[in-house]
Amino acid sequence: CDNSYAAVADSDWQLEIAHHAESMALHGSRLVCDLLR
């Protein structure tokens, strides 16, 4: 990590994973909605 403070304080990496998972869930749920219809 470039900055030792950010190395232990940063939560951005977790939030970015969450944002990607959120997009995946939204895309997937729309596909499921169509399949159920």
Full PDB file with SEQRES, HELIX, SHEET, SSBOND, CRYST1, ORIGX, SCALE, CONECT and MASTER records, all heavy atoms in Angstrom:
SEQRES   1 A   37  CYS ASP ASN SER TYR ALA ALA VAL ALA ASP SER ASP TRP          
SEQRES   2 A   37  GLN LEU GLU ILE ALA HIS HIS ALA GLU SER MET ALA LEU          
SEQRES   3 A   37  HIS GLY SER ARG LEU VAL CYS ASP LEU LEU ARG                  
HELIX    1 AA1 SER A    4  ALA A    9  1                                   6    
HELIX    2 AA2 ASP A   12  LEU A   36  1                                  25    
CRYST1    1.000    1.000    1.000  90.00  90.00  90.00 P 1           1          
ORIGX1      1.000000  0.000000  0.000000        0.00000                         
ORIGX2      0.000000  1.000000  0.000000        0.00000                         
ORIGX3      0.000000  0.000000  1.000000        0.00000                         
SCALE1      1.000000  0.000000  0.000000        0.00000                         
SCALE2      0.000000  1.000000  0.000000        0.00000                         
SCALE3      0.000000  0.000000  1.000000        0.00000                         
ATOM      1  N   CYS A   1       0.844  -1.190   0.000  1.00  0.00           N  
ATOM      2  CA  CYS A   1       0.000   0.000   0.000  1.00  0.00           C  
ATOM      3  C   CYS A   1       0.883   1.245   0.000  1.00  0.00           C  
ATOM      4  O   CYS A   1       1.894   1.304   0.700  1.00  0.00           O  
ATOM      5  CB  CYS A   1      -0.918   0.010   1.222  1.00  0.00           C  
ATOM      6  SG  CYS A   1      -2.170  -1.279   1.203  1.00  0.00           S  
ATOM      7  N   ASP A   2       0.496   2.240  -0.780  1.00  0.00           N  
ATOM      8  CA  ASP A   2       1.313   3.440  -0.934  1.00  0.00           C  
ATOM      9  C   ASP A   2       1.437   4.237   0.361  1.00  0.00           C  
ATOM     10  O   ASP A   2       2.472   4.856   0.609  1.00  0.00           O  
ATOM     11  CB  ASP A   2       0.717   4.350  -2.012  1.00  0.00           C  
ATOM     12  CG  ASP A   2       0.799   3.737  -3.389  1.00  0.00           C  
ATOM     13  OD1 ASP A   2       1.669   2.870  -3.589  1.00  0.00           O  
ATOM     14  OD2 ASP A   2      -0.002   4.108  -4.257  1.00  0.00           O  
ATOM     15  N   ASN A   3       0.398   4.232   1.172  1.00  0.00           N  
ATOM     16  CA  ASN A   3       0.348   5.079   2.364  1.00  0.00           C  
ATOM     17  C   ASN A   3       0.031   4.196   3.562  1.00  0.00           C  
ATOM     18  O   ASN A   3      -0.979   3.496   3.571  1.00  0.00           O  
ATOM     19  CB  ASN A   3      -0.738   6.148   2.171  1.00  0.00           C  
ATOM     20  CG  ASN A   3      -0.818   7.121   3.313  1.00  0.00           C  
ATOM     21  OD1 ASN A   3      -1.253   6.762   4.413  1.00  0.00           O  
ATOM     22  ND2 ASN A   3      -0.418   8.356   3.070  1.00  0.00           N  
ATOM     23  N   SER A   4       0.902   4.227   4.567  1.00  0.00           N  
ATOM     24  CA  SER A   4       0.720   3.332   5.710  1.00  0.00           C  
ATOM     25  C   SER A   4      -0.533   3.663   6.503  1.00  0.00           C  
ATOM     26  O   SER A   4      -1.146   2.767   7.102  1.00  0.00           O  
ATOM     27  CB  SER A   4       1.956   3.375   6.619  1.00  0.00           C  
ATOM     28  OG  SER A   4       2.141   4.666   7.168  1.00  0.00           O  
ATOM     29  N   TYR A   5      -0.944   4.927   6.521  1.00  0.00           N  
ATOM     30  CA  TYR A   5      -2.177   5.303   7.210  1.00  0.00           C  
ATOM     31  C   TYR A   5      -3.380   4.683   6.494  1.00  0.00           C  
ATOM     32  O   TYR A   5      -4.240   4.040   7.108  1.00  0.00           O  
ATOM     33  CB  TYR A   5      -2.304   6.839   7.251  1.00  0.00           C  
ATOM     34  CG  TYR A   5      -3.225   7.360   8.334  1.00  0.00           C  
ATOM     35  CD1 TYR A   5      -2.756   8.255   9.293  1.00  0.00           C  
ATOM     36  CD2 TYR A   5      -4.562   6.981   8.390  1.00  0.00           C  
ATOM     37  CE1 TYR A   5      -3.594   8.744  10.287  1.00  0.00           C  
ATOM     38  CE2 TYR A   5      -5.405   7.466   9.365  1.00  0.00           C  
ATOM     39  CZ  TYR A   5      -4.926   8.348  10.315  1.00  0.00           C  
ATOM     40  OH  TYR A   5      -5.752   8.820  11.291  1.00  0.00           O  
ATOM     41  N   ALA A   6      -3.435   4.887   5.174  1.00  0.00           N  
ATOM     42  CA  ALA A   6      -4.541   4.338   4.392  1.00  0.00           C  
ATOM     43  C   ALA A   6      -4.558   2.816   4.435  1.00  0.00           C  
ATOM     44  O   ALA A   6      -5.624   2.196   4.344  1.00  0.00           O  
ATOM     45  CB  ALA A   6      -4.455   4.819   2.950  1.00  0.00           C  
ATOM     46  N   ALA A   7      -3.392   2.199   4.588  1.00  0.00           N  
ATOM     47  CA  ALA A   7      -3.309   0.742   4.595  1.00  0.00           C  
ATOM     48  C   ALA A   7      -4.179   0.121   5.676  1.00  0.00           C  
ATOM     49  O   ALA A   7      -4.776  -0.949   5.469  1.00  0.00           O  
ATOM     50  CB  ALA A   7      -1.855   0.306   4.791  1.00  0.00           C  
ATOM     51  N   VAL A   8      -4.277   0.777   6.834  1.00  0.00           N  
ATOM     52  CA  VAL A   8      -5.055   0.221   7.941  1.00  0.00           C  
ATOM     53  C   VAL A   8      -6.404   0.913   8.112  1.00  0.00           C  
ATOM     54  O   VAL A   8      -7.268   0.425   8.850  1.00  0.00           O  
ATOM     55  CB  VAL A   8      -4.265   0.293   9.272  1.00  0.00           C  
ATOM     56  CG1 VAL A   8      -2.957  -0.473   9.153  1.00  0.00           C  
ATOM     57  CG2 VAL A   8      -3.995   1.741   9.682  1.00  0.00           C  
ATOM     58  N   ALA A   9      -6.607   2.066   7.459  1.00  0.00           N  
ATOM     59  CA  ALA A   9      -7.835   2.842   7.666  1.00  0.00           C  
ATOM     60  C   ALA A   9      -8.817   2.735   6.508  1.00  0.00           C  
ATOM     61  O   ALA A   9     -10.010   2.987   6.675  1.00  0.00           O  
ATOM     62  CB  ALA A   9      -7.489   4.321   7.883  1.00  0.00           C  
ATOM     63  N   ASP A  10      -8.341   2.361   5.343  1.00  0.00           N  
ATOM     64  CA  ASP A  10      -9.136   2.415   4.122  1.00  0.00           C  
ATOM     65  C   ASP A  10     -10.195   1.313   4.093  1.00  0.00           C  
ATOM     66  O   ASP A  10      -9.905   0.159   4.418  1.00  0.00           O  
ATOM     67  CB  ASP A  10      -8.205   2.270   2.921  1.00  0.00           C  
ATOM     68  CG  ASP A  10      -8.913   2.437   1.597  1.00  0.00           C  
ATOM     69  OD1 ASP A  10     -10.014   2.994   1.602  1.00  0.00           O  
ATOM     70  OD2 ASP A  10      -8.357   2.009   0.581  1.00  0.00           O  
ATOM     71  N   SER A  11     -11.404   1.654   3.711  1.00  0.00           N  
ATOM     72  CA  SER A  11     -12.453   0.651   3.485  1.00  0.00           C  
ATOM     73  C   SER A  11     -12.919   0.667   2.034  1.00  0.00           C  
ATOM     74  O   SER A  11     -13.879  -0.017   1.682  1.00  0.00           O  
ATOM     75  CB  SER A  11     -13.651   0.899   4.408  1.00  0.00           C  
ATOM     76  OG  SER A  11     -14.270   2.139   4.096  1.00  0.00           O  
ATOM     77  N   ASP A  12     -12.231   1.438   1.201  1.00  0.00           N  
ATOM     78  CA  ASP A  12     -12.650   1.605  -0.188  1.00  0.00           C  
ATOM     79  C   ASP A  12     -12.672   0.283  -0.933  1.00  0.00           C  
ATOM     80  O   ASP A  12     -13.566   0.023  -1.741  1.00  0.00           O  
ATOM     81  CB  ASP A  12     -11.710   2.601  -0.879  1.00  0.00           C  
ATOM     82  CG  ASP A  12     -12.144   2.889  -2.314  1.00  0.00           C  
ATOM     83  OD1 ASP A  12     -13.338   3.163  -2.502  1.00  0.00           O  
ATOM     84  OD2 ASP A  12     -11.307   2.833  -3.219  1.00  0.00           O  
ATOM     85  N   TRP A  13     -11.701  -0.580  -0.646  1.00  0.00           N  
ATOM     86  CA  TRP A  13     -11.636  -1.855  -1.370  1.00  0.00           C  
ATOM     87  C   TRP A  13     -12.860  -2.727  -1.062  1.00  0.00           C  
ATOM     88  O   TRP A  13     -13.370  -3.427  -1.942  1.00  0.00           O  
ATOM     89  CB  TRP A  13     -10.340  -2.593  -1.048  1.00  0.00           C  
ATOM     90  CG  TRP A  13     -10.185  -3.002   0.392  1.00  0.00           C  
ATOM     91  CD1 TRP A  13      -9.689  -2.245   1.418  1.00  0.00           C  
ATOM     92  CD2 TRP A  13     -10.544  -4.264   0.963  1.00  0.00           C  
ATOM     93  NE1 TRP A  13      -9.715  -2.953   2.589  1.00  0.00           N  
ATOM     94  CE2 TRP A  13     -10.228  -4.202   2.345  1.00  0.00           C  
ATOM     95  CE3 TRP A  13     -11.077  -5.435   0.456  1.00  0.00           C  
ATOM     96  CZ2 TRP A  13     -10.444  -5.270   3.207  1.00  0.00           C  
ATOM     97  CZ3 TRP A  13     -11.301  -6.510   1.321  1.00  0.00           C  
ATOM     98  CH2 TRP A  13     -10.973  -6.415   2.683  1.00  0.00           C  
ATOM     99  N   GLN A  14     -13.339  -2.674   0.178  1.00  0.00           N  
ATOM    100  CA  GLN A  14     -14.535  -3.444   0.525  1.00  0.00           C  
ATOM    101  C   GLN A  14     -15.786  -2.848  -0.111  1.00  0.00           C  
ATOM    102  O   GLN A  14     -16.667  -3.565  -0.593  1.00  0.00           O  
ATOM    103  CB  GLN A  14     -14.712  -3.494   2.050  1.00  0.00           C  
ATOM    104  CG  GLN A  14     -13.629  -4.301   2.742  1.00  0.00           C  
ATOM    105  CD  GLN A  14     -13.782  -4.301   4.249  1.00  0.00           C  
ATOM    106  OE1 GLN A  14     -13.971  -5.347   4.850  1.00  0.00           O  
ATOM    107  NE2 GLN A  14     -13.681  -3.142   4.872  1.00  0.00           N  
ATOM    108  N   LEU A  15     -15.845  -1.518  -0.116  1.00  0.00           N  
ATOM    109  CA  LEU A  15     -17.000  -0.860  -0.711  1.00  0.00           C  
ATOM    110  C   LEU A  15     -17.062  -1.106  -2.212  1.00  0.00           C  
ATOM    111  O   LEU A  15     -18.144  -1.252  -2.782  1.00  0.00           O  
ATOM    112  CB  LEU A  15     -16.949   0.642  -0.424  1.00  0.00           C  
ATOM    113  CG  LEU A  15     -17.196   1.049   1.029  1.00  0.00           C  
ATOM    114  CD1 LEU A  15     -17.046   2.553   1.191  1.00  0.00           C  
ATOM    115  CD2 LEU A  15     -18.572   0.602   1.490  1.00  0.00           C  
ATOM    116  N   GLU A  16     -15.904  -1.166  -2.849  1.00  0.00           N  
ATOM    117  CA  GLU A  16     -15.901  -1.403  -4.295  1.00  0.00           C  
ATOM    118  C   GLU A  16     -16.390  -2.814  -4.609  1.00  0.00           C  
ATOM    119  O   GLU A  16     -17.134  -3.028  -5.573  1.00  0.00           O  
ATOM    120  CB  GLU A  16     -14.501  -1.168  -4.870  1.00  0.00           C  
ATOM    121  CG  GLU A  16     -14.529  -1.012  -6.370  1.00  0.00           C  
ATOM    122  CD  GLU A  16     -13.418  -0.106  -6.898  1.00  0.00           C  
ATOM    123  OE1 GLU A  16     -12.944   0.770  -6.160  1.00  0.00           O  
ATOM    124  OE2 GLU A  16     -13.045  -0.285  -8.056  1.00  0.00           O  
ATOM    125  N   ILE A  17     -15.982  -3.778  -3.788  1.00  0.00           N  
ATOM    126  CA  ILE A  17     -16.512  -5.138  -3.943  1.00  0.00           C  
ATOM    127  C   ILE A  17     -18.022  -5.129  -3.782  1.00  0.00           C  
ATOM    128  O   ILE A  17     -18.762  -5.757  -4.551  1.00  0.00           O  
ATOM    129  CB  ILE A  17     -15.864  -6.090  -2.918  1.00  0.00           C  
ATOM    130  CG1 ILE A  17     -14.390  -6.344  -3.276  1.00  0.00           C  
ATOM    131  CG2 ILE A  17     -16.615  -7.419  -2.860  1.00  0.00           C  
ATOM    132  CD1 ILE A  17     -13.628  -7.124  -2.224  1.00  0.00           C  
ATOM    133  N   ALA A  18     -18.499  -4.396  -2.766  1.00  0.00           N  
ATOM    134  CA  ALA A  18     -19.939  -4.320  -2.520  1.00  0.00           C  
ATOM    135  C   ALA A  18     -20.671  -3.695  -3.703  1.00  0.00           C  
ATOM    136  O   ALA A  18     -21.749  -4.164  -4.103  1.00  0.00           O  
ATOM    137  CB  ALA A  18     -20.209  -3.518  -1.245  1.00  0.00           C  
ATOM    138  N   HIS A  19     -20.097  -2.653  -4.283  1.00  0.00           N  
ATOM    139  CA  HIS A  19     -20.734  -2.001  -5.430  1.00  0.00           C  
ATOM    140  C   HIS A  19     -20.828  -2.959  -6.622  1.00  0.00           C  
ATOM    141  O   HIS A  19     -21.848  -2.990  -7.326  1.00  0.00           O  
ATOM    142  CB  HIS A  19     -19.963  -0.744  -5.829  1.00  0.00           C  
ATOM    143  CG  HIS A  19     -19.977   0.339  -4.791  1.00  0.00           C  
ATOM    144  ND1 HIS A  19     -21.024   0.497  -3.912  1.00  0.00           N  
ATOM    145  CD2 HIS A  19     -19.084   1.322  -4.485  1.00  0.00           C  
ATOM    146  CE1 HIS A  19     -20.778   1.526  -3.107  1.00  0.00           C  
ATOM    147  NE2 HIS A  19     -19.611   2.037  -3.430  1.00  0.00           N  
ATOM    148  N   HIS A  20     -19.773  -3.730  -6.842  1.00  0.00           N  
ATOM    149  CA  HIS A  20     -19.806  -4.694  -7.941  1.00  0.00           C  
ATOM    150  C   HIS A  20     -20.850  -5.783  -7.671  1.00  0.00           C  
ATOM    151  O   HIS A  20     -21.591  -6.182  -8.587  1.00  0.00           O  
ATOM    152  CB  HIS A  20     -18.435  -5.326  -8.136  1.00  0.00           C  
ATOM    153  CG  HIS A  20     -17.376  -4.370  -8.594  1.00  0.00           C  
ATOM    154  ND1 HIS A  20     -17.634  -3.340  -9.461  1.00  0.00           N  
ATOM    155  CD2 HIS A  20     -16.051  -4.289  -8.294  1.00  0.00           C  
ATOM    156  CE1 HIS A  20     -16.512  -2.658  -9.688  1.00  0.00           C  
ATOM    157  NE2 HIS A  20     -15.549  -3.218  -8.989  1.00  0.00           N  
ATOM    158  N   ALA A  21     -20.880  -6.272  -6.445  1.00  0.00           N  
ATOM    159  CA  ALA A  21     -21.864  -7.301  -6.099  1.00  0.00           C  
ATOM    160  C   ALA A  21     -23.280  -6.757  -6.231  1.00  0.00           C  
ATOM    161  O   ALA A  21     -24.199  -7.470  -6.654  1.00  0.00           O  
ATOM    162  CB  ALA A  21     -21.612  -7.797  -4.670  1.00  0.00           C  
ATOM    163  N   GLU A  22     -23.448  -5.499  -5.875  1.00  0.00           N  
ATOM    164  CA  GLU A  22     -24.755  -4.866  -5.998  1.00  0.00           C  
ATOM    165  C   GLU A  22     -25.190  -4.814  -7.469  1.00  0.00           C  
ATOM    166  O   GLU A  22     -26.334  -5.154  -7.801  1.00  0.00           O  
ATOM    167  CB  GLU A  22     -24.702  -3.461  -5.407  1.00  0.00           C  
ATOM    168  CG  GLU A  22     -26.037  -2.756  -5.334  1.00  0.00           C  
ATOM    169  CD  GLU A  22     -25.924  -1.424  -4.604  1.00  0.00           C  
ATOM    170  OE1 GLU A  22     -24.991  -0.649  -4.926  1.00  0.00           O  
ATOM    171  OE2 GLU A  22     -26.753  -1.171  -3.717  1.00  0.00           O  
ATOM    172  N   SER A  23     -24.283  -4.413  -8.358  1.00  0.00           N  
ATOM    173  CA  SER A  23     -24.604  -4.387  -9.788  1.00  0.00           C  
ATOM    174  C   SER A  23     -24.943  -5.783 -10.295  1.00  0.00           C  
ATOM    175  O   SER A  23     -25.896  -5.972 -11.058  1.00  0.00           O  
ATOM    176  CB  SER A  23     -23.425  -3.821 -10.588  1.00  0.00           C  
ATOM    177  OG  SER A  23     -23.222  -2.463 -10.302  1.00  0.00           O  
ATOM    178  N   MET A  24     -24.166  -6.767  -9.856  1.00  0.00           N  
ATOM    179  CA  MET A  24     -24.414  -8.150 -10.267  1.00  0.00           C  
ATOM    180  C   MET A  24     -25.799  -8.598  -9.824  1.00  0.00           C  
ATOM    181  O   MET A  24     -26.551  -9.231 -10.579  1.00  0.00           O  
ATOM    182  CB  MET A  24     -23.353  -9.062  -9.668  1.00  0.00           C  
ATOM    183  CG  MET A  24     -23.510 -10.528 -10.022  1.00  0.00           C  
ATOM    184  SD  MET A  24     -22.688 -11.585  -8.822  1.00  0.00           S  
ATOM    185  CE  MET A  24     -23.722 -11.363  -7.389  1.00  0.00           C  
ATOM    186  N   ALA A  25     -26.163  -8.268  -8.571  1.00  0.00           N  
ATOM    187  CA  ALA A  25     -27.467  -8.671  -8.047  1.00  0.00           C  
ATOM    188  C   ALA A  25     -28.606  -7.990  -8.796  1.00  0.00           C  
ATOM    189  O   ALA A  25     -29.641  -8.616  -9.083  1.00  0.00           O  
ATOM    190  CB  ALA A  25     -27.550  -8.350  -6.557  1.00  0.00           C  
ATOM    191  N   LEU A  26     -28.409  -6.732  -9.142  1.00  0.00           N  
ATOM    192  CA  LEU A  26     -29.449  -6.008  -9.877  1.00  0.00           C  
ATOM    193  C   LEU A  26     -29.616  -6.572 -11.285  1.00  0.00           C  
ATOM    194  O   LEU A  26     -30.734  -6.791 -11.755  1.00  0.00           O  
ATOM    195  CB  LEU A  26     -29.121  -4.518  -9.925  1.00  0.00           C  
ATOM    196  CG  LEU A  26     -29.154  -3.792  -8.571  1.00  0.00           C  
ATOM    197  CD1 LEU A  26     -28.672  -2.351  -8.732  1.00  0.00           C  
ATOM    198  CD2 LEU A  26     -30.553  -3.804  -7.987  1.00  0.00           C  
ATOM    199  N   HIS A  27     -28.495  -6.802 -11.983  1.00  0.00           N  
ATOM    200  CA  HIS A  27     -28.574  -7.401 -13.320  1.00  0.00           C  
ATOM    201  C   HIS A  27     -29.222  -8.789 -13.245  1.00  0.00           C  
ATOM    202  O   HIS A  27     -30.108  -9.121 -14.052  1.00  0.00           O  
ATOM    203  CB  HIS A  27     -27.179  -7.548 -13.942  1.00  0.00           C  
ATOM    204  CG  HIS A  27     -26.468  -6.255 -14.177  1.00  0.00           C  
ATOM    205  ND1 HIS A  27     -27.123  -5.072 -14.364  1.00  0.00           N  
ATOM    206  CD2 HIS A  27     -25.129  -5.965 -14.263  1.00  0.00           C  
ATOM    207  CE1 HIS A  27     -26.238  -4.096 -14.556  1.00  0.00           C  
ATOM    208  NE2 HIS A  27     -25.034  -4.620 -14.500  1.00  0.00           N  
ATOM    209  N   GLY A  28     -28.754  -9.592 -12.285  1.00  0.00           N  
ATOM    210  CA  GLY A  28     -29.257 -10.961 -12.164  1.00  0.00           C  
ATOM    211  C   GLY A  28     -30.726 -11.009 -11.821  1.00  0.00           C  
ATOM    212  O   GLY A  28     -31.477 -11.840 -12.363  1.00  0.00           O  
ATOM    213  N   SER A  29     -31.176 -10.120 -10.938  1.00  0.00           N  
ATOM    214  CA  SER A  29     -32.580 -10.148 -10.525  1.00  0.00           C  
ATOM    215  C   SER A  29     -33.501  -9.760 -11.676  1.00  0.00           C  
ATOM    216  O   SER A  29     -34.624 -10.264 -11.777  1.00  0.00           O  
ATOM    217  CB  SER A  29     -32.797  -9.218  -9.327  1.00  0.00           C  
ATOM    218  OG  SER A  29     -32.599  -7.864  -9.676  1.00  0.00           O  
ATOM    219  N   ARG A  30     -33.046  -8.881 -12.558  1.00  0.00           N  
ATOM    220  CA  ARG A  30     -33.862  -8.511 -13.707  1.00  0.00           C  
ATOM    221  C   ARG A  30     -33.997  -9.690 -14.683  1.00  0.00           C  
ATOM    222  O   ARG A  30     -35.062  -9.920 -15.261  1.00  0.00           O  
ATOM    223  CB  ARG A  30     -33.254  -7.300 -14.426  1.00  0.00           C  
ATOM    224  CG  ARG A  30     -33.222  -6.045 -13.570  1.00  0.00           C  
ATOM    225  CD  ARG A  30     -32.612  -4.869 -14.310  1.00  0.00           C  
ATOM    226  NE  ARG A  30     -33.539  -4.343 -15.297  1.00  0.00           N  
ATOM    227  CZ  ARG A  30     -33.234  -3.353 -16.140  1.00  0.00           C  
ATOM    228  NH1 ARG A  30     -32.019  -2.808 -16.123  1.00  0.00           N  
ATOM    229  NH2 ARG A  30     -34.119  -2.911 -17.004  1.00  0.00           N  
ATOM    230  N   LEU A  31     -32.909 -10.424 -14.828  1.00  0.00           N  
ATOM    231  CA  LEU A  31     -32.948 -11.608 -15.682  1.00  0.00           C  
ATOM    232  C   LEU A  31     -33.884 -12.657 -15.082  1.00  0.00           C  
ATOM    233  O   LEU A  31     -34.689 -13.282 -15.795  1.00  0.00           O  
ATOM    234  CB  LEU A  31     -31.532 -12.170 -15.839  1.00  0.00           C  
ATOM    235  CG  LEU A  31     -31.305 -13.347 -16.784  1.00  0.00           C  
ATOM    236  CD1 LEU A  31     -31.902 -13.074 -18.151  1.00  0.00           C  
ATOM    237  CD2 LEU A  31     -29.823 -13.656 -16.896  1.00  0.00           C  
ATOM    238  N   VAL A  32     -33.804 -12.846 -13.772  1.00  0.00           N  
ATOM    239  CA  VAL A  32     -34.690 -13.786 -13.090  1.00  0.00           C  
ATOM    240  C   VAL A  32     -36.151 -13.354 -13.225  1.00  0.00           C  
ATOM    241  O   VAL A  32     -37.041 -14.187 -13.425  1.00  0.00           O  
ATOM    242  CB  VAL A  32     -34.301 -13.914 -11.600  1.00  0.00           C  
ATOM    243  CG1 VAL A  32     -35.361 -14.679 -10.821  1.00  0.00           C  
ATOM    244  CG2 VAL A  32     -32.963 -14.613 -11.459  1.00  0.00           C  
ATOM    245  N   CYS A  33     -36.392 -12.063 -13.122  1.00  0.00           N  
ATOM    246  CA  CYS A  33     -37.754 -11.536 -13.274  1.00  0.00           C  
ATOM    247  C   CYS A  33     -38.340 -11.927 -14.626  1.00  0.00           C  
ATOM    248  O   CYS A  33     -39.492 -12.377 -14.719  1.00  0.00           O  
ATOM    249  CB  CYS A  33     -37.743 -10.019 -13.107  1.00  0.00           C  
ATOM    250  SG  CYS A  33     -39.370  -9.244 -13.205  1.00  0.00           S  
ATOM    251  N   ASP A  34     -37.548 -11.795 -15.681  1.00  0.00           N  
ATOM    252  CA  ASP A  34     -38.024 -12.170 -17.015  1.00  0.00           C  
ATOM    253  C   ASP A  34     -38.249 -13.678 -17.115  1.00  0.00           C  
ATOM    254  O   ASP A  34     -39.247 -14.134 -17.691  1.00  0.00           O  
ATOM    255  CB  ASP A  34     -37.028 -11.724 -18.080  1.00  0.00           C  
ATOM    256  CG  ASP A  34     -37.133 -10.243 -18.402  1.00  0.00           C  
ATOM    257  OD1 ASP A  34     -38.120  -9.616 -17.964  1.00  0.00           O  
ATOM    258  OD2 ASP A  34     -36.229  -9.709 -19.064  1.00  0.00           O  
ATOM    259  N   LEU A  35     -37.321 -14.462 -16.568  1.00  0.00           N  
ATOM    260  CA  LEU A  35     -37.468 -15.919 -16.639  1.00  0.00           C  
ATOM    261  C   LEU A  35     -38.729 -16.377 -15.918  1.00  0.00           C  
ATOM    262  O   LEU A  35     -39.439 -17.280 -16.392  1.00  0.00           O  
ATOM    263  CB  LEU A  35     -36.233 -16.600 -16.042  1.00  0.00           C  
ATOM    264  CG  LEU A  35     -34.938 -16.463 -16.840  1.00  0.00           C  
ATOM    265  CD1 LEU A  35     -33.766 -17.056 -16.065  1.00  0.00           C  
ATOM    266  CD2 LEU A  35     -35.056 -17.136 -18.212  1.00  0.00           C  
ATOM    267  N   LEU A  36     -39.020 -15.771 -14.769  1.00  0.00           N  
ATOM    268  CA  LEU A  36     -40.237 -16.130 -14.043  1.00  0.00           C  
ATOM    269  C   LEU A  36     -41.486 -15.716 -14.820  1.00  0.00           C  
ATOM    270  O   LEU A  36     -42.494 -16.439 -14.847  1.00  0.00           O  
ATOM    271  CB  LEU A  36     -40.233 -15.474 -12.663  1.00  0.00           C  
ATOM    272  CG  LEU A  36     -39.350 -16.151 -11.614  1.00  0.00           C  
ATOM    273  CD1 LEU A  36     -39.193 -15.270 -10.384  1.00  0.00           C  
ATOM    274  CD2 LEU A  36     -39.935 -17.509 -11.221  1.00  0.00           C  
ATOM    275  N   ARG A  37     -41.444 -14.560 -15.466  1.00  0.00           N  
ATOM    276  CA  ARG A  37     -42.581 -14.123 -16.272  1.00  0.00           C  
ATOM    277  C   ARG A  37     -42.769 -15.050 -17.464  1.00  0.00           C  
ATOM    278  O   ARG A  37     -43.898 -15.419 -17.818  1.00  0.00           O  
ATOM    279  CB  ARG A  37     -42.365 -12.674 -16.743  1.00  0.00           C  
ATOM    280  CG  ARG A  37     -43.526 -12.129 -17.568  1.00  0.00           C  
ATOM    281  CD  ARG A  37     -43.393 -10.629 -17.776  1.00  0.00           C  
ATOM    282  NE  ARG A  37     -42.147 -10.273 -18.438  1.00  0.00           N  
ATOM    283  CZ  ARG A  37     -41.946 -10.342 -19.751  1.00  0.00           C  
ATOM    284  NH1 ARG A  37     -42.911 -10.770 -20.548  1.00  0.00           N  
ATOM    285  NH2 ARG A  37     -40.786  -9.982 -20.272  1.00  0.00           N  
TER     286      ARG A  37                                                      
MASTER        0    0    0    2    0    0    0    6  285    1    0    3          
END                                                                             
